[in-house]
N, C-alpha and C. Protein backbone atom coordinates (compact mmCIF):
# COMPACT_ATOMS: atom_id res chain seq x y z
N MET A 1 -45.65 -103.25 64.82
CA MET A 1 -47.19 -103.88 64.56
C MET A 1 -46.55 -104.51 62.92
N ALA A 2 -46.92 -103.22 62.03
CA ALA A 2 -46.54 -104.08 60.40
C ALA A 2 -45.59 -104.68 60.22
N GLN A 3 -44.33 -104.50 60.82
CA GLN A 3 -42.73 -105.35 60.36
C GLN A 3 -43.32 -106.29 60.97
N ALA A 4 -44.00 -106.85 61.94
CA ALA A 4 -43.58 -108.00 61.93
C ALA A 4 -44.72 -108.40 61.64
N VAL A 5 -45.86 -108.29 61.05
CA VAL A 5 -46.44 -108.97 59.66
C VAL A 5 -46.35 -109.09 58.54
N LYS A 6 -45.05 -107.93 58.68
CA LYS A 6 -44.41 -108.47 56.98
C LYS A 6 -43.12 -109.55 57.43
N ILE A 7 -42.69 -109.10 57.86
CA ILE A 7 -42.18 -110.68 58.65
C ILE A 7 -42.46 -111.95 57.74
N ILE A 8 -43.84 -111.72 59.11
CA ILE A 8 -44.24 -113.26 58.79
C ILE A 8 -44.39 -113.67 57.46
N LEU A 9 -45.38 -112.22 56.12
CA LEU A 9 -45.83 -112.94 55.28
C LEU A 9 -44.77 -113.67 54.74
N ARG A 10 -43.61 -112.90 54.76
CA ARG A 10 -42.22 -113.14 53.78
C ARG A 10 -41.72 -114.22 54.28
N ALA A 11 -41.49 -114.66 55.49
CA ALA A 11 -41.29 -115.57 55.70
C ALA A 11 -41.77 -116.85 54.18
N ASP A 12 -43.17 -117.24 53.63
CA ASP A 12 -43.32 -118.72 52.92
C ASP A 12 -43.19 -117.94 52.48
N TYR A 13 -41.54 -117.07 52.13
CA TYR A 13 -41.25 -116.96 50.70
C TYR A 13 -39.70 -116.97 49.77
N ASP A 14 -39.20 -117.47 48.64
CA ASP A 14 -37.76 -117.81 49.00
C ASP A 14 -37.44 -116.11 48.65
N GLY A 15 -36.23 -116.32 48.20
CA GLY A 15 -35.72 -114.92 47.76
C GLY A 15 -36.02 -114.52 46.46
N LYS A 16 -36.06 -115.28 45.40
CA LYS A 16 -36.50 -114.88 44.21
C LYS A 16 -38.77 -114.60 44.30
N PHE A 17 -39.52 -114.52 45.28
CA PHE A 17 -40.42 -114.39 45.24
C PHE A 17 -41.19 -115.34 44.65
N GLU A 18 -41.26 -116.33 45.52
CA GLU A 18 -41.46 -117.94 44.57
C GLU A 18 -42.20 -118.09 46.29
N PRO A 19 -43.40 -118.58 46.00
CA PRO A 19 -43.53 -119.36 47.40
C PRO A 19 -42.90 -120.77 47.93
N LEU A 20 -42.44 -121.45 49.30
CA LEU A 20 -41.64 -122.16 49.69
C LEU A 20 -42.88 -123.04 50.14
N ASN A 21 -42.27 -124.07 49.79
CA ASN A 21 -42.72 -125.74 49.02
C ASN A 21 -43.82 -126.18 50.74
N PRO A 22 -45.12 -125.79 51.00
CA PRO A 22 -45.59 -125.57 51.71
C PRO A 22 -45.58 -127.41 52.81
N TRP A 23 -45.43 -128.28 51.90
CA TRP A 23 -44.76 -129.22 52.84
C TRP A 23 -43.43 -129.68 53.48
N THR A 24 -42.60 -128.36 53.00
CA THR A 24 -41.22 -128.59 53.84
C THR A 24 -41.36 -127.60 55.01
N VAL A 25 -42.70 -126.90 55.16
CA VAL A 25 -41.97 -125.58 55.14
C VAL A 25 -43.11 -125.54 56.87
N GLY A 26 -44.00 -126.65 56.13
CA GLY A 26 -46.01 -126.03 57.19
C GLY A 26 -45.82 -127.60 57.95
N TYR A 27 -45.46 -128.74 57.72
CA TYR A 27 -45.59 -129.80 58.47
C TYR A 27 -44.92 -130.19 58.97
N HIS A 28 -44.63 -130.69 59.87
CA HIS A 28 -43.49 -131.41 60.90
C HIS A 28 -43.84 -132.65 60.94
N LEU A 29 -41.86 -133.54 61.15
CA LEU A 29 -42.23 -134.76 60.54
C LEU A 29 -43.05 -135.83 61.99
N TYR A 30 -42.85 -136.97 61.36
CA TYR A 30 -43.66 -137.66 62.75
C TYR A 30 -43.90 -137.61 63.61
N GLU A 31 -41.73 -137.76 63.87
CA GLU A 31 -41.70 -138.29 65.19
C GLU A 31 -40.92 -136.77 66.17
N CYS A 32 -41.67 -135.08 65.36
CA CYS A 32 -40.52 -134.27 65.66
C CYS A 32 -41.64 -133.43 67.50
N GLU A 33 -40.36 -133.22 67.95
CA GLU A 33 -40.76 -133.29 69.04
C GLU A 33 -41.34 -132.08 69.38
N ARG A 34 -41.20 -131.11 68.11
CA ARG A 34 -41.98 -129.25 68.48
C ARG A 34 -41.16 -128.61 69.17
N ALA A 35 -40.55 -128.92 69.90
CA ALA A 35 -39.85 -127.85 70.76
C ALA A 35 -39.12 -126.76 70.41
N ILE A 36 -39.03 -125.55 69.59
CA ILE A 36 -38.39 -124.38 69.52
C ILE A 36 -38.08 -123.12 70.81
N TRP A 37 -39.04 -123.50 71.64
CA TRP A 37 -38.80 -122.43 73.10
C TRP A 37 -38.32 -123.82 73.94
N CYS A 38 -37.69 -122.52 74.80
CA CYS A 38 -37.09 -122.33 76.24
C CYS A 38 -38.14 -122.94 76.93
N ASP A 39 -37.97 -123.56 78.66
CA ASP A 39 -39.00 -124.06 79.09
C ASP A 39 -39.70 -122.52 79.95
N ASP A 40 -39.15 -120.99 79.63
CA ASP A 40 -39.78 -119.86 79.64
C ASP A 40 -40.84 -119.82 78.71
N GLY A 41 -40.43 -120.14 77.69
CA GLY A 41 -41.90 -119.79 76.35
C GLY A 41 -41.17 -118.46 76.05
N LEU A 42 -40.25 -117.69 76.39
CA LEU A 42 -39.95 -116.54 75.42
C LEU A 42 -37.97 -116.36 74.68
N THR A 43 -37.65 -117.15 74.66
CA THR A 43 -36.34 -117.58 74.26
C THR A 43 -36.48 -119.03 73.42
N LEU A 44 -35.74 -118.79 72.69
CA LEU A 44 -35.63 -119.89 71.55
C LEU A 44 -34.33 -121.24 71.68
N VAL A 45 -34.38 -121.80 71.57
CA VAL A 45 -33.39 -123.03 72.07
C VAL A 45 -32.72 -123.19 71.12
N ASP A 46 -31.08 -122.99 71.36
CA ASP A 46 -30.25 -122.55 70.36
C ASP A 46 -30.24 -123.50 69.61
N PHE A 47 -29.77 -123.29 68.08
CA PHE A 47 -30.22 -123.54 66.87
C PHE A 47 -29.43 -125.11 66.93
N ARG A 48 -28.30 -125.27 66.89
CA ARG A 48 -27.88 -126.55 67.45
C ARG A 48 -28.50 -127.47 67.96
N GLU A 49 -29.27 -127.12 69.21
CA GLU A 49 -30.10 -127.82 69.81
C GLU A 49 -31.31 -128.97 69.22
N LEU A 50 -32.10 -127.70 68.05
CA LEU A 50 -32.57 -128.80 67.10
C LEU A 50 -32.15 -129.38 65.58
N ILE A 51 -30.41 -129.28 65.95
CA ILE A 51 -29.97 -130.58 64.67
C ILE A 51 -29.21 -131.09 65.33
N GLU A 52 -29.25 -131.57 66.57
CA GLU A 52 -28.72 -132.70 67.68
C GLU A 52 -29.33 -134.15 66.99
N PRO A 53 -28.79 -134.88 66.15
CA PRO A 53 -29.33 -136.26 65.63
C PRO A 53 -30.34 -136.63 67.29
N GLU A 54 -29.93 -136.93 68.65
CA GLU A 54 -30.71 -137.47 69.43
C GLU A 54 -32.04 -137.07 69.42
N ARG A 55 -32.54 -136.25 68.41
CA ARG A 55 -33.98 -135.10 68.35
C ARG A 55 -33.87 -136.05 67.48
N GLY A 56 -33.69 -136.81 66.73
CA GLY A 56 -34.54 -137.37 65.44
C GLY A 56 -33.99 -136.24 63.84
N PRO A 57 -34.66 -136.98 62.58
CA PRO A 57 -34.61 -136.14 61.74
C PRO A 57 -34.76 -134.82 61.73
N LYS A 58 -34.27 -134.14 60.93
CA LYS A 58 -34.07 -132.95 61.12
C LYS A 58 -35.67 -132.33 60.27
N CYS A 59 -36.14 -131.52 61.06
CA CYS A 59 -37.61 -131.13 60.45
C CYS A 59 -37.53 -129.93 59.80
N GLY A 60 -38.13 -129.92 58.74
CA GLY A 60 -38.16 -127.84 58.06
C GLY A 60 -38.89 -127.67 58.58
N ALA A 61 -39.84 -128.18 58.84
CA ALA A 61 -41.21 -126.84 59.73
C ALA A 61 -40.38 -126.56 60.97
N CYS A 62 -39.53 -126.63 61.76
CA CYS A 62 -38.65 -127.03 63.03
C CYS A 62 -38.02 -125.65 63.13
N ASP A 63 -37.33 -125.74 61.63
CA ASP A 63 -36.00 -124.65 61.52
C ASP A 63 -36.81 -123.46 60.79
N HIS A 64 -38.30 -123.63 59.57
CA HIS A 64 -38.35 -123.21 59.37
C HIS A 64 -39.32 -121.59 60.39
N GLU A 65 -40.02 -122.82 61.00
CA GLU A 65 -41.03 -121.55 62.82
C GLU A 65 -39.47 -120.77 63.60
N TRP A 66 -38.49 -121.53 63.48
CA TRP A 66 -37.32 -121.01 64.00
C TRP A 66 -36.93 -119.73 63.66
N ASN A 67 -36.57 -120.08 62.35
CA ASN A 67 -36.53 -118.71 61.89
C ASN A 67 -36.35 -117.28 61.92
N LEU A 68 -38.47 -117.96 61.54
CA LEU A 68 -38.95 -117.17 61.60
C LEU A 68 -39.29 -116.06 63.24
N TRP A 69 -39.39 -117.06 64.09
CA TRP A 69 -39.31 -116.04 65.24
C TRP A 69 -38.50 -115.34 65.94
N GLU A 70 -37.25 -116.21 65.12
CA GLU A 70 -35.50 -115.25 65.74
C GLU A 70 -35.79 -113.81 65.06
N LYS A 71 -35.96 -114.02 64.37
CA LYS A 71 -37.00 -112.39 63.03
C LYS A 71 -37.44 -111.72 63.82
N LEU A 72 -38.24 -112.44 64.56
CA LEU A 72 -39.54 -111.40 65.84
C LEU A 72 -38.91 -111.33 66.67
N LEU A 73 -37.81 -111.99 67.42
CA LEU A 73 -37.76 -112.01 68.84
C LEU A 73 -36.71 -110.59 68.23
N LYS A 74 -36.09 -110.52 67.65
CA LYS A 74 -34.68 -108.85 67.47
C LYS A 74 -35.44 -108.69 66.95
N LEU A 75 -36.52 -108.47 66.49
CA LEU A 75 -37.83 -106.96 66.39
C LEU A 75 -37.92 -106.34 67.57
N GLY A 76 -38.56 -107.71 68.00
CA GLY A 76 -39.25 -106.94 69.59
C GLY A 76 -38.03 -106.75 70.86
N LYS A 77 -36.52 -107.28 70.41
CA LYS A 77 -35.75 -107.05 71.21
C LYS A 77 -35.40 -105.48 70.97
N ALA A 78 -35.44 -104.82 69.47
CA ALA A 78 -34.97 -103.92 68.94
C ALA A 78 -36.25 -102.84 69.33
N LYS A 79 -37.66 -102.72 69.26
CA LYS A 79 -38.28 -101.90 70.07
C LYS A 79 -38.06 -101.80 71.54
N GLN A 80 -37.73 -103.12 72.16
CA GLN A 80 -37.38 -102.67 73.69
C GLN A 80 -36.50 -101.91 73.92
N ASP A 81 -34.97 -101.66 73.13
CA ASP A 81 -33.95 -100.52 73.55
C ASP A 81 -34.27 -99.73 72.82
N GLY A 82 -34.75 -99.66 71.93
CA GLY A 82 -35.06 -98.72 71.11
C GLY A 82 -35.77 -97.49 71.61
N GLU A 83 -37.17 -97.94 72.09
CA GLU A 83 -38.28 -96.97 72.78
C GLU A 83 -38.50 -97.21 74.26
N GLY A 84 -37.92 -98.25 74.92
CA GLY A 84 -38.08 -98.95 76.25
C GLY A 84 -39.64 -99.19 76.69
N ASP A 85 -39.29 -100.58 75.20
CA ASP A 85 -40.90 -100.78 75.44
C ASP A 85 -40.67 -102.04 76.61
N ASP A 86 -41.37 -102.26 77.30
CA ASP A 86 -41.47 -103.44 78.27
C ASP A 86 -42.54 -104.75 77.91
N HIS A 87 -43.33 -104.91 77.10
CA HIS A 87 -43.35 -105.90 76.40
C HIS A 87 -42.73 -106.85 76.48
N PRO A 88 -42.58 -108.32 76.73
CA PRO A 88 -41.73 -109.34 76.07
C PRO A 88 -41.06 -109.36 74.66
N ALA A 89 -40.17 -109.08 74.43
CA ALA A 89 -40.04 -110.23 73.14
C ALA A 89 -41.32 -109.99 72.11
N THR A 90 -41.60 -111.39 72.73
CA THR A 90 -42.47 -111.94 71.76
C THR A 90 -44.10 -111.52 71.47
N PHE A 91 -43.85 -110.21 72.22
CA PHE A 91 -45.28 -110.08 71.41
C PHE A 91 -45.47 -109.18 70.46
N TYR A 92 -44.69 -108.36 70.19
CA TYR A 92 -45.31 -108.17 68.49
C TYR A 92 -45.36 -108.88 67.64
N GLY A 93 -44.68 -110.84 67.56
CA GLY A 93 -45.36 -111.35 66.60
C GLY A 93 -46.68 -112.45 67.32
N ASP A 94 -47.10 -112.28 68.46
CA ASP A 94 -48.24 -112.60 68.88
C ASP A 94 -49.01 -111.88 68.46
N MET A 95 -48.92 -110.41 68.96
CA MET A 95 -49.90 -109.52 67.98
C MET A 95 -50.34 -109.91 66.76
N ALA A 96 -48.79 -109.22 65.77
CA ALA A 96 -48.80 -109.74 64.52
C ALA A 96 -49.48 -111.15 64.20
N TYR A 97 -49.42 -112.21 64.77
CA TYR A 97 -50.17 -113.54 64.89
C TYR A 97 -52.00 -113.22 64.82
N ARG A 98 -52.09 -113.03 65.68
CA ARG A 98 -53.43 -112.59 66.12
C ARG A 98 -54.11 -111.81 65.21
N GLY A 99 -53.95 -110.27 65.12
CA GLY A 99 -54.15 -110.06 63.62
C GLY A 99 -54.88 -110.26 62.21
N LEU A 100 -53.39 -110.88 62.34
CA LEU A 100 -54.12 -111.77 60.70
C LEU A 100 -54.76 -113.18 60.73
N SER A 101 -54.74 -113.23 62.02
CA SER A 101 -56.30 -114.60 62.58
C SER A 101 -57.43 -114.07 62.27
N LEU A 102 -57.16 -112.86 62.67
CA LEU A 102 -58.26 -112.09 63.27
C LEU A 102 -59.16 -111.32 61.08
N GLU A 103 -57.84 -110.95 60.11
CA GLU A 103 -58.23 -111.05 59.28
C GLU A 103 -58.98 -111.54 58.62
N ASN A 104 -58.11 -112.80 59.09
CA ASN A 104 -58.73 -113.96 57.96
C ASN A 104 -59.84 -114.23 58.33
N LYS A 105 -60.38 -114.62 59.61
CA LYS A 105 -61.61 -114.56 59.91
C LYS A 105 -62.51 -113.86 59.30
N VAL A 106 -62.21 -112.53 59.44
CA VAL A 106 -63.74 -111.49 59.02
C VAL A 106 -63.13 -111.32 57.42
N LEU A 107 -62.79 -111.54 56.96
CA LEU A 107 -62.12 -111.46 54.82
C LEU A 107 -63.11 -113.23 54.55
N THR A 108 -62.53 -113.99 55.47
CA THR A 108 -62.67 -115.45 54.79
C THR A 108 -64.57 -116.21 55.32
N PHE A 109 -64.31 -115.52 56.59
CA PHE A 109 -66.80 -116.42 56.73
C PHE A 109 -67.01 -115.12 57.35
N GLY A 110 -66.87 -114.00 57.61
CA GLY A 110 -67.18 -112.61 57.56
C GLY A 110 -67.77 -113.11 59.70
N TYR A 111 -66.92 -113.49 60.07
CA TYR A 111 -67.27 -114.03 61.74
C TYR A 111 -65.74 -113.79 62.50
N PRO A 112 -66.36 -112.91 63.33
CA PRO A 112 -66.99 -111.95 63.65
C PRO A 112 -67.36 -110.27 62.69
N LYS A 113 -67.96 -110.05 62.83
CA LYS A 113 -68.93 -108.57 62.04
C LYS A 113 -67.53 -108.04 62.40
N VAL A 114 -67.35 -106.81 61.64
CA VAL A 114 -66.13 -106.08 62.04
C VAL A 114 -66.90 -105.08 62.73
N GLU A 115 -68.33 -104.56 62.52
CA GLU A 115 -68.89 -103.97 63.61
C GLU A 115 -69.11 -104.33 65.17
N ASP A 116 -68.53 -106.05 65.53
CA ASP A 116 -68.62 -106.86 66.83
C ASP A 116 -67.17 -106.70 66.54
N LEU A 117 -65.94 -105.61 66.26
CA LEU A 117 -64.62 -106.11 67.06
C LEU A 117 -64.33 -105.31 68.25
N ASP A 118 -63.93 -105.05 69.08
CA ASP A 118 -63.51 -103.61 70.32
C ASP A 118 -62.43 -103.56 69.15
N GLY A 119 -61.92 -102.00 69.84
CA GLY A 119 -61.31 -100.70 68.81
C GLY A 119 -59.59 -101.55 68.44
N PHE A 120 -58.90 -102.47 69.91
CA PHE A 120 -58.11 -103.06 69.57
C PHE A 120 -58.10 -104.16 68.53
N ASP A 121 -58.84 -105.40 68.37
CA ASP A 121 -58.92 -106.22 67.35
C ASP A 121 -59.52 -105.45 66.14
N PHE A 122 -60.31 -104.13 66.24
CA PHE A 122 -60.26 -104.22 64.92
C PHE A 122 -59.49 -102.99 64.09
N ASP A 123 -58.59 -102.77 64.81
CA ASP A 123 -57.29 -101.95 65.09
C ASP A 123 -55.95 -103.09 64.29
N LEU A 124 -55.96 -103.86 64.72
CA LEU A 124 -54.96 -105.41 64.67
C LEU A 124 -55.79 -105.91 63.51
N ALA A 125 -56.42 -106.04 63.12
CA ALA A 125 -57.37 -106.66 61.84
C ALA A 125 -56.62 -105.80 60.51
N GLN A 126 -57.16 -104.76 60.98
CA GLN A 126 -56.95 -103.29 59.45
C GLN A 126 -55.31 -103.31 59.14
N LEU A 127 -54.74 -102.72 60.67
CA LEU A 127 -53.32 -103.48 60.53
C LEU A 127 -52.99 -104.80 59.14
N ALA A 128 -52.81 -105.61 59.56
CA ALA A 128 -52.58 -106.78 59.13
C ALA A 128 -52.63 -107.29 57.52
N TYR A 129 -54.14 -105.79 57.87
CA TYR A 129 -54.92 -106.30 56.27
C TYR A 129 -53.95 -105.42 55.30
N THR A 130 -53.56 -103.86 56.36
CA THR A 130 -53.19 -103.03 54.71
C THR A 130 -51.59 -103.60 55.05
N ALA A 131 -51.15 -104.71 55.81
CA ALA A 131 -49.69 -104.85 56.41
C ALA A 131 -49.64 -105.99 54.59
N ARG A 132 -50.44 -107.00 54.85
CA ARG A 132 -50.62 -107.97 53.74
C ARG A 132 -50.86 -107.42 52.22
N LYS A 133 -51.67 -106.74 52.00
CA LYS A 133 -51.75 -105.80 50.82
C LYS A 133 -50.60 -104.81 50.43
N GLN A 134 -50.43 -104.75 51.48
CA GLN A 134 -48.98 -103.54 50.80
C GLN A 134 -47.42 -104.56 50.93
N PHE A 135 -47.83 -105.89 51.01
CA PHE A 135 -46.70 -107.17 50.81
C PHE A 135 -47.49 -107.52 49.32
N GLU A 136 -48.64 -107.64 49.16
CA GLU A 136 -48.73 -108.35 47.91
C GLU A 136 -49.03 -107.46 46.88
N VAL A 137 -48.59 -105.96 47.10
CA VAL A 137 -48.62 -105.16 45.37
C VAL A 137 -46.60 -105.65 45.74
N TYR A 138 -45.75 -105.40 46.84
CA TYR A 138 -44.28 -105.64 46.52
C TYR A 138 -43.97 -106.39 45.65
N LEU A 139 -44.76 -107.72 46.02
CA LEU A 139 -44.43 -108.97 45.03
C LEU A 139 -44.98 -108.95 44.32
N ALA A 140 -46.41 -108.28 43.79
CA ALA A 140 -46.20 -108.10 42.34
C ALA A 140 -45.49 -107.28 41.90
N ILE A 141 -44.76 -105.89 41.82
CA ILE A 141 -43.61 -104.82 41.38
C ILE A 141 -42.58 -106.25 40.71
N GLU A 142 -41.96 -106.61 42.49
CA GLU A 142 -40.68 -107.67 42.13
C GLU A 142 -41.02 -108.43 40.97
N ARG A 143 -41.76 -109.39 41.12
CA ARG A 143 -42.22 -110.09 40.22
C ARG A 143 -42.11 -109.74 38.41
N GLN A 144 -42.93 -108.27 38.30
CA GLN A 144 -42.76 -108.02 37.49
C GLN A 144 -41.24 -107.98 36.51
N LYS A 145 -40.75 -106.74 37.88
CA LYS A 145 -39.16 -106.84 37.99
C LYS A 145 -38.15 -107.78 37.12
N LYS A 146 -38.66 -108.95 37.78
CA LYS A 146 -38.31 -109.95 37.15
C LYS A 146 -38.63 -110.88 35.84
N ALA A 147 -39.96 -110.54 36.03
CA ALA A 147 -40.07 -110.94 33.94
C ALA A 147 -39.48 -109.81 33.20
N GLU A 148 -39.51 -108.43 33.47
CA GLU A 148 -38.69 -107.61 32.53
C GLU A 148 -37.82 -108.24 32.30
N ARG A 149 -36.70 -108.79 33.21
CA ARG A 149 -35.28 -109.24 33.07
C ARG A 149 -35.18 -110.39 32.33
N GLU A 150 -36.15 -111.40 32.65
CA GLU A 150 -35.51 -112.25 31.98
C GLU A 150 -36.33 -112.52 30.29
N SER A 151 -36.88 -111.37 29.75
CA SER A 151 -37.32 -110.82 28.80
C SER A 151 -36.98 -110.26 27.74
N GLN A 152 -35.81 -110.17 28.72
CA GLN A 152 -33.97 -108.94 27.56
C GLN A 152 -33.34 -110.26 27.14
């Protein structure tokens, strides 16, 4: 699950550890269909379908979301193959998003209170918090390395 949280957090950064432009990765175009899933809700549409001209202009948010979920599904399928996991491939991505949402609500709004969370939600929020902090440390280290290389 922590790997899925880190995939989600890392998706908003480029290869140089700088945040991506939120307007291009977070907001869909006006006439975008916002459909990256097949009818079963567990399978991504083929990437070639995303760029078909009849779908309208290419949407950066759909591309970003499709690439993110492709990585999350690969993680889920690897877990299924390696551990005999019977969860759907979307399970890890869904739980990671739920944990990040809970963590954000608790830290930002103080609601729900930590003591009001059941054990499962507490573990999800704690896992998301830990993964976020580890990712922030990783970013700080990489930025420091980059600054040292540029100053030489």
